[in-house]
Amino acid sequence: MGSKDLINEVLALKRERNAVILAHNYMDYDVQVVADFIGDSYDLALKAMETNAEVIVFAGVRFMAEQAKALNYDRVVLAPDPGAGCTIADALDVDTLRRVKEEYPSVPPVVLYVNSNADVKALADYIVTSSTAIKVIRRLSSDVVIFGPDSNLADYVAYMTGKRIIKVPPNGKCVVHANYTVDVVREVRTKYPGG
């Protein structure tokens, strides 16, 4: 089957099932072509809420589909690859977070980055995005916060708020974003000044 035929088949199936396809920015172009919305994970889950679709197909990793289901609990949410993981989200599991909470019983707030799996989110006091993390943590009365699973975001939040951040895990990172070093950024800025 040619790609045009496959695209037409997917579009017809979307209409038949009253479905919407959400494609994360990282998805292949072939997936993005048939998507109704392309973007970042949380924004896509919000966009699904604005539709009347009965079926939501989330082309992304597991936590993204879980997030879409949490915000659209009355709809069918499908993940084309239910086993697709995210290195940040998968860096923190329930047992690790429970153990850290037991180690610091006097530290009430557990703040998790939205890029976490649902079973771990269930143990959090607050869920934040990268744009809300600093605002939320500044408002907490505690000077010490358990934060995970993105250690880079945790370091930035600690720097910006002056609070002691207990990182869980201590080295949670995205393998894709870890490739964007200071040297890479400098090289791109030199190659594309003002861009």
N, C-alpha and C. Protein backbone atom coordinates (compact mmCIF):
# COMPACT_ATOMS: atom_id res chain seq x y z
N MET A 1 0.85 -1.18 0.00
CA MET A 1 0.00 0.00 0.00
C MET A 1 0.89 1.24 0.00
N GLY A 2 0.61 2.18 -0.89
CA GLY A 2 1.37 3.41 -0.94
C GLY A 2 1.05 4.31 0.23
N SER A 3 1.93 5.26 0.49
CA SER A 3 1.73 6.12 1.66
C SER A 3 0.46 6.97 1.53
N LYS A 4 0.10 7.37 0.31
CA LYS A 4 -1.11 8.16 0.13
C LYS A 4 -2.34 7.31 0.48
N ASP A 5 -2.33 6.04 0.06
CA ASP A 5 -3.43 5.14 0.39
C ASP A 5 -3.52 4.91 1.89
N LEU A 6 -2.37 4.75 2.54
CA LEU A 6 -2.34 4.53 3.99
C LEU A 6 -2.86 5.76 4.73
N ILE A 7 -2.45 6.94 4.28
CA ILE A 7 -2.94 8.19 4.88
C ILE A 7 -4.46 8.28 4.76
N ASN A 8 -4.99 7.98 3.57
CA ASN A 8 -6.43 8.03 3.35
C ASN A 8 -7.17 7.01 4.22
N GLU A 9 -6.56 5.83 4.40
CA GLU A 9 -7.17 4.81 5.25
C GLU A 9 -7.22 5.27 6.71
N VAL A 10 -6.15 5.88 7.19
CA VAL A 10 -6.12 6.38 8.55
C VAL A 10 -7.14 7.50 8.73
N LEU A 11 -7.21 8.41 7.79
CA LEU A 11 -8.17 9.52 7.88
C LEU A 11 -9.61 9.00 7.89
N ALA A 12 -9.89 7.98 7.06
CA ALA A 12 -11.24 7.40 7.04
C ALA A 12 -11.55 6.71 8.37
N LEU A 13 -10.60 6.01 8.92
CA LEU A 13 -10.79 5.33 10.20
C LEU A 13 -11.01 6.34 11.33
N LYS A 14 -10.29 7.47 11.27
CA LYS A 14 -10.50 8.52 12.28
C LYS A 14 -11.94 9.02 12.24
N ARG A 15 -12.45 9.27 11.04
CA ARG A 15 -13.84 9.75 10.91
C ARG A 15 -14.82 8.69 11.41
N GLU A 16 -14.59 7.44 11.00
CA GLU A 16 -15.49 6.35 11.38
C GLU A 16 -15.55 6.15 12.89
N ARG A 17 -14.44 6.27 13.56
CA ARG A 17 -14.37 6.02 15.01
C ARG A 17 -14.53 7.30 15.84
N ASN A 18 -14.69 8.45 15.19
CA ASN A 18 -14.72 9.74 15.88
C ASN A 18 -13.47 9.87 16.77
N ALA A 19 -12.33 9.74 16.12
CA ALA A 19 -11.05 9.73 16.82
C ALA A 19 -10.24 10.97 16.51
N VAL A 20 -9.35 11.28 17.43
CA VAL A 20 -8.39 12.36 17.25
C VAL A 20 -7.01 11.75 17.47
N ILE A 21 -6.05 12.17 16.66
CA ILE A 21 -4.69 11.67 16.81
C ILE A 21 -3.80 12.81 17.31
N LEU A 22 -3.15 12.55 18.43
CA LEU A 22 -2.21 13.49 19.02
C LEU A 22 -0.80 12.95 18.76
N ALA A 23 0.06 13.77 18.21
CA ALA A 23 1.43 13.32 17.92
C ALA A 23 2.42 14.23 18.62
N HIS A 24 3.26 13.63 19.44
CA HIS A 24 4.30 14.39 20.12
C HIS A 24 5.28 14.92 19.08
N ASN A 25 5.93 16.02 19.40
CA ASN A 25 6.91 16.64 18.50
C ASN A 25 7.97 15.66 18.00
N TYR A 26 8.29 14.66 18.81
CA TYR A 26 9.35 13.72 18.46
C TYR A 26 8.91 12.63 17.48
N MET A 27 7.63 12.55 17.19
CA MET A 27 7.14 11.49 16.30
C MET A 27 7.62 11.71 14.87
N ASP A 28 7.76 10.61 14.16
CA ASP A 28 8.16 10.66 12.75
C ASP A 28 7.17 11.50 11.95
N TYR A 29 7.66 12.06 10.87
CA TYR A 29 6.84 12.89 10.00
C TYR A 29 5.60 12.14 9.51
N ASP A 30 5.76 10.85 9.18
CA ASP A 30 4.64 10.06 8.68
C ASP A 30 3.47 10.02 9.68
N VAL A 31 3.79 10.04 10.95
CA VAL A 31 2.75 10.06 11.99
C VAL A 31 2.16 11.47 12.09
N GLN A 32 3.01 12.47 12.02
CA GLN A 32 2.54 13.84 12.14
C GLN A 32 1.60 14.24 11.00
N VAL A 33 1.79 13.64 9.84
CA VAL A 33 0.94 13.95 8.68
C VAL A 33 -0.53 13.65 8.97
N VAL A 34 -0.81 12.58 9.71
CA VAL A 34 -2.20 12.19 9.97
C VAL A 34 -2.71 12.72 11.31
N ALA A 35 -1.85 13.40 12.05
CA ALA A 35 -2.23 13.89 13.38
C ALA A 35 -3.14 15.11 13.29
N ASP A 36 -4.03 15.22 14.26
CA ASP A 36 -4.87 16.40 14.37
C ASP A 36 -4.14 17.51 15.10
N PHE A 37 -3.30 17.11 16.06
CA PHE A 37 -2.51 18.07 16.83
C PHE A 37 -1.10 17.52 16.99
N ILE A 38 -0.13 18.42 16.91
CA ILE A 38 1.28 18.08 17.11
C ILE A 38 1.79 19.05 18.17
N GLY A 39 2.53 18.53 19.13
CA GLY A 39 3.04 19.42 20.16
C GLY A 39 3.70 18.69 21.30
N ASP A 40 3.70 19.35 22.46
CA ASP A 40 4.29 18.80 23.67
C ASP A 40 3.23 18.01 24.42
N SER A 41 3.66 17.12 25.26
CA SER A 41 2.76 16.13 25.86
C SER A 41 1.58 16.72 26.62
N TYR A 42 1.83 17.61 27.55
CA TYR A 42 0.74 18.16 28.36
C TYR A 42 -0.22 18.99 27.52
N ASP A 43 0.34 19.80 26.64
CA ASP A 43 -0.48 20.64 25.77
C ASP A 43 -1.40 19.77 24.90
N LEU A 44 -0.88 18.65 24.43
CA LEU A 44 -1.70 17.76 23.60
C LEU A 44 -2.86 17.17 24.40
N ALA A 45 -2.61 16.78 25.63
CA ALA A 45 -3.68 16.24 26.47
C ALA A 45 -4.77 17.29 26.69
N LEU A 46 -4.37 18.54 26.85
CA LEU A 46 -5.34 19.63 27.00
C LEU A 46 -6.13 19.84 25.71
N LYS A 47 -5.45 19.76 24.58
CA LYS A 47 -6.14 19.94 23.29
C LYS A 47 -7.19 18.85 23.08
N ALA A 48 -6.89 17.65 23.52
CA ALA A 48 -7.86 16.55 23.38
C ALA A 48 -9.14 16.87 24.14
N MET A 49 -9.01 17.57 25.26
CA MET A 49 -10.18 17.93 26.06
C MET A 49 -11.13 18.86 25.30
N GLU A 50 -10.58 19.61 24.35
CA GLU A 50 -11.36 20.59 23.60
C GLU A 50 -12.11 19.97 22.42
N THR A 51 -11.87 18.68 22.17
CA THR A 51 -12.52 18.03 21.04
C THR A 51 -13.72 17.23 21.52
N ASN A 52 -14.53 16.78 20.58
CA ASN A 52 -15.64 15.90 20.92
C ASN A 52 -15.32 14.45 20.52
N ALA A 53 -14.05 14.16 20.32
CA ALA A 53 -13.64 12.82 19.91
C ALA A 53 -13.96 11.79 20.99
N GLU A 54 -14.43 10.64 20.56
CA GLU A 54 -14.71 9.54 21.48
C GLU A 54 -13.44 8.73 21.74
N VAL A 55 -12.53 8.75 20.77
CA VAL A 55 -11.29 7.98 20.87
C VAL A 55 -10.11 8.94 20.70
N ILE A 56 -9.16 8.83 21.61
CA ILE A 56 -7.94 9.63 21.55
C ILE A 56 -6.78 8.67 21.31
N VAL A 57 -6.05 8.89 20.23
CA VAL A 57 -4.87 8.09 19.94
C VAL A 57 -3.67 8.98 20.22
N PHE A 58 -2.86 8.58 21.19
CA PHE A 58 -1.71 9.40 21.58
C PHE A 58 -0.42 8.76 21.08
N ALA A 59 0.13 9.33 20.04
CA ALA A 59 1.40 8.86 19.49
C ALA A 59 2.52 9.52 20.28
N GLY A 60 2.98 8.81 21.28
CA GLY A 60 4.01 9.32 22.18
C GLY A 60 4.42 8.20 23.11
N VAL A 61 4.93 8.56 24.27
CA VAL A 61 5.35 7.55 25.24
C VAL A 61 4.23 7.31 26.26
N ARG A 62 4.41 6.28 27.08
CA ARG A 62 3.36 5.81 27.99
C ARG A 62 2.80 6.90 28.90
N PHE A 63 3.68 7.71 29.53
CA PHE A 63 3.15 8.69 30.48
C PHE A 63 2.26 9.72 29.78
N MET A 64 2.50 9.97 28.50
CA MET A 64 1.68 10.93 27.77
C MET A 64 0.26 10.40 27.59
N ALA A 65 0.13 9.13 27.24
CA ALA A 65 -1.19 8.52 27.09
C ALA A 65 -1.90 8.46 28.45
N GLU A 66 -1.15 8.16 29.51
CA GLU A 66 -1.74 8.14 30.85
C GLU A 66 -2.28 9.52 31.23
N GLN A 67 -1.51 10.53 30.90
CA GLN A 67 -1.90 11.91 31.19
C GLN A 67 -3.16 12.29 30.42
N ALA A 68 -3.20 11.91 29.15
CA ALA A 68 -4.39 12.19 28.34
C ALA A 68 -5.61 11.47 28.92
N LYS A 69 -5.42 10.25 29.41
CA LYS A 69 -6.54 9.50 30.00
C LYS A 69 -7.01 10.16 31.29
N ALA A 70 -6.07 10.63 32.11
CA ALA A 70 -6.44 11.29 33.36
C ALA A 70 -7.28 12.55 33.10
N LEU A 71 -6.96 13.26 32.05
CA LEU A 71 -7.69 14.49 31.73
C LEU A 71 -8.94 14.23 30.89
N ASN A 72 -9.02 13.04 30.31
CA ASN A 72 -10.15 12.68 29.46
C ASN A 72 -10.66 11.30 29.88
N TYR A 73 -10.98 11.18 31.16
CA TYR A 73 -11.28 9.88 31.76
C TYR A 73 -12.51 9.19 31.16
N ASP A 74 -13.38 9.95 30.52
CA ASP A 74 -14.60 9.37 29.97
C ASP A 74 -14.46 8.93 28.52
N ARG A 75 -13.24 8.94 28.01
CA ARG A 75 -13.01 8.57 26.62
C ARG A 75 -12.03 7.40 26.52
N VAL A 76 -12.03 6.77 25.37
CA VAL A 76 -11.06 5.71 25.10
C VAL A 76 -9.75 6.39 24.70
N VAL A 77 -8.67 6.02 25.36
CA VAL A 77 -7.35 6.54 25.01
C VAL A 77 -6.48 5.37 24.59
N LEU A 78 -5.94 5.45 23.40
CA LEU A 78 -5.10 4.38 22.86
C LEU A 78 -3.67 4.87 22.70
N ALA A 79 -2.74 3.98 22.99
CA ALA A 79 -1.32 4.25 22.77
C ALA A 79 -0.83 3.27 21.72
N PRO A 80 -0.40 3.73 20.56
CA PRO A 80 0.05 2.81 19.52
C PRO A 80 1.14 1.85 20.01
N ASP A 81 1.99 2.31 20.91
CA ASP A 81 3.01 1.45 21.51
C ASP A 81 2.96 1.62 23.02
N PRO A 82 2.11 0.83 23.71
CA PRO A 82 1.93 1.00 25.15
C PRO A 82 3.21 0.79 25.97
N GLY A 83 4.19 0.15 25.39
CA GLY A 83 5.45 -0.08 26.10
C GLY A 83 6.48 1.02 25.89
N ALA A 84 6.15 2.01 25.07
CA ALA A 84 7.12 3.08 24.80
C ALA A 84 7.37 3.88 26.07
N GLY A 85 8.62 3.95 26.45
CA GLY A 85 8.96 4.64 27.68
C GLY A 85 9.73 5.92 27.44
N CYS A 86 9.88 6.66 28.50
CA CYS A 86 10.63 7.91 28.50
C CYS A 86 11.71 7.76 29.57
N THR A 87 12.94 8.09 29.24
CA THR A 87 14.02 7.87 30.20
C THR A 87 13.86 8.71 31.46
N ILE A 88 13.25 9.88 31.36
CA ILE A 88 13.00 10.67 32.58
C ILE A 88 11.93 9.99 33.41
N ALA A 89 10.78 9.72 32.82
CA ALA A 89 9.67 9.11 33.56
C ALA A 89 10.07 7.75 34.13
N ASP A 90 10.76 6.96 33.34
CA ASP A 90 11.14 5.62 33.79
C ASP A 90 12.28 5.60 34.80
N ALA A 91 12.90 6.75 35.02
CA ALA A 91 13.99 6.84 36.00
C ALA A 91 13.48 6.76 37.43
N LEU A 92 12.19 7.02 37.62
CA LEU A 92 11.62 7.02 38.97
C LEU A 92 10.48 6.02 39.06
N ASP A 93 10.62 5.07 39.96
CA ASP A 93 9.55 4.08 40.18
C ASP A 93 8.95 4.27 41.57
N VAL A 94 7.84 3.63 41.79
CA VAL A 94 7.09 3.76 43.04
C VAL A 94 7.94 3.38 44.25
N ASP A 95 8.64 2.25 44.17
CA ASP A 95 9.43 1.79 45.32
C ASP A 95 10.51 2.80 45.70
N THR A 96 11.17 3.39 44.71
CA THR A 96 12.21 4.39 44.99
C THR A 96 11.61 5.61 45.67
N LEU A 97 10.50 6.10 45.15
CA LEU A 97 9.88 7.29 45.75
C LEU A 97 9.40 6.99 47.17
N ARG A 98 8.82 5.83 47.39
CA ARG A 98 8.39 5.47 48.75
C ARG A 98 9.57 5.43 49.70
N ARG A 99 10.68 4.85 49.24
CA ARG A 99 11.88 4.76 50.08
C ARG A 99 12.41 6.14 50.45
N VAL A 100 12.43 7.05 49.48
CA VAL A 100 12.91 8.41 49.76
C VAL A 100 11.97 9.12 50.72
N LYS A 101 10.67 8.95 50.54
CA LYS A 101 9.70 9.56 51.46
C LYS A 101 9.90 9.04 52.88
N GLU A 102 10.24 7.77 53.03
CA GLU A 102 10.49 7.19 54.35
C GLU A 102 11.79 7.75 54.96
N GLU A 103 12.78 8.02 54.12
CA GLU A 103 14.05 8.57 54.59
C GLU A 103 13.89 10.00 55.10
N TYR A 104 12.93 10.73 54.57
CA TYR A 104 12.70 12.13 54.93
C TYR A 104 11.26 12.32 55.39
N PRO A 105 10.88 11.72 56.51
CA PRO A 105 9.47 11.80 56.92
C PRO A 105 9.01 13.21 57.30
N SER A 106 9.95 14.09 57.63
CA SER A 106 9.55 15.44 58.02
C SER A 106 9.42 16.38 56.83
N VAL A 107 9.70 15.89 55.63
CA VAL A 107 9.59 16.72 54.43
C VAL A 107 8.27 16.38 53.75
N PRO A 108 7.24 17.18 53.98
CA PRO A 108 5.94 16.82 53.42
C PRO A 108 5.81 16.96 51.90
N PRO A 109 6.33 18.01 51.26
CA PRO A 109 5.98 18.15 49.86
C PRO A 109 6.83 17.28 48.92
N VAL A 110 6.12 16.49 48.13
CA VAL A 110 6.74 15.75 47.03
C VAL A 110 6.21 16.38 45.76
N VAL A 111 7.12 16.94 44.98
CA VAL A 111 6.75 17.63 43.74
C VAL A 111 7.34 16.83 42.58
N LEU A 112 6.49 16.44 41.64
CA LEU A 112 6.95 15.67 40.49
C LEU A 112 6.70 16.42 39.20
N TYR A 113 7.66 16.29 38.33
CA TYR A 113 7.56 16.82 36.98
C TYR A 113 6.48 16.03 36.25
N VAL A 114 5.71 16.70 35.44
CA VAL A 114 4.60 16.09 34.73
C VAL A 114 5.05 14.90 33.88
N ASN A 115 6.31 14.87 33.49
CA ASN A 115 6.85 13.74 32.74
C ASN A 115 7.20 12.61 33.69
N SER A 116 6.18 12.09 34.36
CA SER A 116 6.30 10.97 35.29
C SER A 116 5.17 10.00 34.98
N ASN A 117 5.40 8.74 35.30
CA ASN A 117 4.36 7.74 35.08
C ASN A 117 3.26 7.89 36.13
N ALA A 118 2.06 7.46 35.79
CA ALA A 118 0.87 7.69 36.63
C ALA A 118 0.99 7.06 38.01
N ASP A 119 1.58 5.87 38.12
CA ASP A 119 1.67 5.23 39.44
C ASP A 119 2.57 6.02 40.38
N VAL A 120 3.57 6.70 39.83
CA VAL A 120 4.45 7.54 40.64
C VAL A 120 3.75 8.87 40.97
N LYS A 121 3.05 9.43 40.01
CA LYS A 121 2.31 10.68 40.24
C LYS A 121 1.31 10.53 41.39
N ALA A 122 0.77 9.34 41.55
CA ALA A 122 -0.22 9.11 42.61
C ALA A 122 0.36 9.35 44.00
N LEU A 123 1.68 9.31 44.14
CA LEU A 123 2.34 9.51 45.43
C LEU A 123 2.77 10.95 45.66
N ALA A 124 2.54 11.81 44.69
CA ALA A 124 3.01 13.20 44.78
C ALA A 124 1.98 14.10 45.44
N ASP A 125 2.51 15.20 46.00
CA ASP A 125 1.63 16.25 46.52
C ASP A 125 1.31 17.26 45.43
N TYR A 126 2.26 17.47 44.53
CA TYR A 126 2.10 18.45 43.46
C TYR A 126 2.70 17.88 42.18
N ILE A 127 2.06 18.19 41.06
CA ILE A 127 2.58 17.86 39.74
C ILE A 127 2.81 19.18 39.03
N VAL A 128 4.01 19.36 38.46
CA VAL A 128 4.35 20.63 37.83
C VAL A 128 4.86 20.41 36.41
N THR A 129 4.76 21.46 35.62
CA THR A 129 5.39 21.50 34.31
C THR A 129 6.70 22.27 34.46
N SER A 130 7.48 22.31 33.42
CA SER A 130 8.73 23.07 33.51
C SER A 130 8.45 24.56 33.72
N SER A 131 7.32 25.04 33.21
CA SER A 131 7.01 26.47 33.36
C SER A 131 6.33 26.80 34.69
N THR A 132 5.85 25.81 35.43
CA THR A 132 5.20 26.09 36.71
C THR A 132 6.01 25.64 37.92
N ALA A 133 7.07 24.88 37.71
CA ALA A 133 7.84 24.30 38.83
C ALA A 133 8.33 25.37 39.81
N ILE A 134 8.95 26.40 39.31
CA ILE A 134 9.50 27.44 40.19
C ILE A 134 8.37 28.14 40.95
N LYS A 135 7.30 28.50 40.26
CA LYS A 135 6.18 29.20 40.90
C LYS A 135 5.59 28.37 42.03
N VAL A 136 5.38 27.09 41.78
CA VAL A 136 4.77 26.22 42.79
C VAL A 136 5.71 26.05 43.98
N ILE A 137 6.97 25.75 43.72
CA ILE A 137 7.91 25.48 44.81
C ILE A 137 8.18 26.73 45.63
N ARG A 138 8.20 27.89 45.01
CA ARG A 138 8.36 29.14 45.77
C ARG A 138 7.22 29.33 46.78
N ARG A 139 6.04 28.88 46.43
CA ARG A 139 4.87 29.08 47.30
C ARG A 139 4.78 28.07 48.44
N LEU A 140 5.56 27.01 48.38
CA LEU A 140 5.51 26.01 49.44
C LEU A 140 6.16 26.56 50.70
N SER A 141 5.58 26.26 51.85
CA SER A 141 6.13 26.77 53.11
C SER A 141 7.41 26.05 53.51
N SER A 142 7.61 24.85 53.02
CA SER A 142 8.80 24.08 53.36
C SER A 142 10.03 24.58 52.61
N ASP A 143 11.17 24.61 53.30
CA ASP A 143 12.44 24.99 52.66
C ASP A 143 13.12 23.80 52.02
N VAL A 144 12.57 22.60 52.23
CA VAL A 144 13.11 21.37 51.66
C VAL A 144 11.99 20.67 50.89
N VAL A 145 12.31 20.24 49.68
CA VAL A 145 11.31 19.62 48.82
C VAL A 145 11.91 18.38 48.16
N ILE A 146 11.14 17.32 48.10
CA ILE A 146 11.52 16.15 47.29
C ILE A 146 11.02 16.43 45.89
N PHE A 147 11.94 16.32 44.91
CA PHE A 147 11.58 16.64 43.53
C PHE A 147 12.12 15.57 42.59
N GLY A 148 11.33 15.21 41.61
CA GLY A 148 11.80 14.24 40.63
C GLY A 148 10.92 14.28 39.40
N PRO A 149 11.21 13.52 38.40
CA PRO A 149 12.43 12.74 38.23
C PRO A 149 13.50 13.43 37.41
N ASP A 150 13.28 14.67 36.95
CA ASP A 150 14.24 15.36 36.09
C ASP A 150 15.27 16.10 36.94
N SER A 151 16.49 15.60 36.99
CA SER A 151 17.51 16.20 37.87
C SER A 151 17.96 17.57 37.36
N ASN A 152 17.95 17.80 36.05
CA ASN A 152 18.32 19.12 35.53
C ASN A 152 17.30 20.17 35.96
N LEU A 153 16.03 19.83 35.86
CA LEU A 153 14.99 20.76 36.30
C LEU A 153 15.08 20.97 37.81
N ALA A 154 15.39 19.90 38.54
CA ALA A 154 15.55 20.01 40.00
C ALA A 154 16.67 20.99 40.36
N ASP A 155 17.80 20.90 39.65
CA ASP A 155 18.92 21.82 39.91
C ASP A 155 18.52 23.26 39.61
N TYR A 156 17.81 23.46 38.51
CA TYR A 156 17.38 24.80 38.14
C TYR A 156 16.40 25.36 39.16
N VAL A 157 15.46 24.54 39.61
CA VAL A 157 14.49 24.98 40.62
C VAL A 157 15.21 25.35 41.92
N ALA A 158 16.19 24.54 42.32
CA ALA A 158 16.95 24.84 43.54
C ALA A 158 17.67 26.18 43.39
N TYR A 159 18.28 26.40 42.25
CA TYR A 159 19.00 27.65 41.99
C TYR A 159 18.05 28.86 42.03
N MET A 160 16.89 28.71 41.40
CA MET A 160 15.96 29.83 41.28
C MET A 160 15.17 30.09 42.56
N THR A 161 14.98 29.10 43.40
CA THR A 161 14.16 29.28 44.60
C THR A 161 14.97 29.38 45.89
N GLY A 162 16.22 28.90 45.85
CA GLY A 162 17.03 28.88 47.07
C GLY A 162 16.63 27.79 48.05
N LYS A 163 15.74 26.92 47.63
CA LYS A 163 15.30 25.83 48.51
C LYS A 163 16.19 24.61 48.32
N ARG A 164 16.24 23.78 49.36
CA ARG A 164 16.99 22.53 49.27
C ARG A 164 16.10 21.52 48.55
N ILE A 165 16.58 21.02 47.44
CA ILE A 165 15.83 20.07 46.64
C ILE A 165 16.49 18.69 46.78
N ILE A 166 15.72 17.74 47.24
CA ILE A 166 16.17 16.35 47.31
C ILE A 166 15.76 15.72 46.00
N LYS A 167 16.75 15.42 45.16
CA LYS A 167 16.47 14.89 43.83
C LYS A 167 16.24 13.38 43.91
N VAL A 168 15.15 12.97 43.30
CA VAL A 168 14.85 11.55 43.24
C VAL A 168 14.41 11.20 41.82
N PRO A 169 15.18 10.42 41.12
CA PRO A 169 16.51 9.92 41.46
C PRO A 169 17.53 11.04 41.32
N PRO A 170 18.74 10.82 41.80
CA PRO A 170 19.73 11.90 41.74
C PRO A 170 20.20 12.25 40.33
N ASN A 171 19.96 11.37 39.37
CA ASN A 171 20.48 11.62 38.02
C ASN A 171 19.44 11.35 36.93
N GLY A 172 18.17 11.61 37.17
CA GLY A 172 17.15 11.40 36.16
C GLY A 172 17.32 12.38 35.01
N LYS A 173 17.39 11.84 33.80
CA LYS A 173 17.57 12.73 32.65
C LYS A 173 16.99 12.13 31.39
N CYS A 174 16.76 12.97 30.44
CA CYS A 174 16.30 12.57 29.11
C CYS A 174 17.54 12.30 28.27
N VAL A 175 17.62 11.11 27.69
CA VAL A 175 18.80 10.79 26.88
C VAL A 175 18.88 11.65 25.63
N VAL A 176 17.75 12.14 25.15
CA VAL A 176 17.76 13.03 23.98
C VAL A 176 18.30 14.39 24.39
N HIS A 177 17.73 14.98 25.44
CA HIS A 177 18.15 16.32 25.87
C HIS A 177 19.58 16.34 26.40
N ALA A 178 20.05 15.22 26.93
CA ALA A 178 21.42 15.16 27.45
C ALA A 178 22.46 15.42 26.37
N ASN A 179 22.07 15.24 25.12
CA ASN A 179 22.99 15.50 24.01
C ASN A 179 23.18 16.98 23.73
N TYR A 180 22.29 17.82 24.26
CA TYR A 180 22.39 19.26 24.03
C TYR A 180 23.28 19.88 25.09
N THR A 181 24.56 19.79 24.86
CA THR A 181 25.53 20.33 25.80
C THR A 181 25.77 21.81 25.52
N VAL A 182 26.49 22.46 26.40
CA VAL A 182 26.85 23.87 26.21
C VAL A 182 27.62 24.04 24.90
N ASP A 183 28.52 23.10 24.62
CA ASP A 183 29.30 23.18 23.38
C ASP A 183 28.41 23.09 22.14
N VAL A 184 27.41 22.23 22.17
CA VAL A 184 26.49 22.10 21.04
C VAL A 184 25.70 23.39 20.86
N VAL A 185 25.23 23.96 21.95
CA VAL A 185 24.47 25.21 21.87
C VAL A 185 25.34 26.33 21.30
N ARG A 186 26.58 26.42 21.77
CA ARG A 186 27.50 27.45 21.25
C ARG A 186 27.73 27.27 19.75
N GLU A 187 27.92 26.02 19.34
CA GLU A 187 28.16 25.74 17.92
C GLU A 187 26.97 26.16 17.06
N VAL A 188 25.76 25.85 17.53
CA VAL A 188 24.55 26.21 16.78
C VAL A 188 24.38 27.73 16.75
N ARG A 189 24.66 28.40 17.88
CA ARG A 189 24.54 29.87 17.91
C ARG A 189 25.56 30.54 16.98
N THR A 190 26.73 29.94 16.87
CA THR A 190 27.75 30.48 15.96
C THR A 190 27.31 30.28 14.52
N LYS A 191 26.79 29.10 14.24
CA LYS A 191 26.37 28.77 12.88
C LYS A 191 25.14 29.57 12.46
N TYR A 192 24.23 29.83 13.41
CA TYR A 192 22.98 30.55 13.12
C TYR A 192 22.82 31.74 14.07
N PRO A 193 23.65 32.76 13.91
CA PRO A 193 23.56 33.92 14.81
C PRO A 193 22.20 34.62 14.70
N GLY A 194 21.68 35.01 15.85
CA GLY A 194 20.39 35.70 15.88
C GLY A 194 19.20 34.80 15.63
N GLY A 195 19.43 33.50 15.52
CA GLY A 195 18.35 32.55 15.19
C GLY A 195 17.65 31.99 16.35
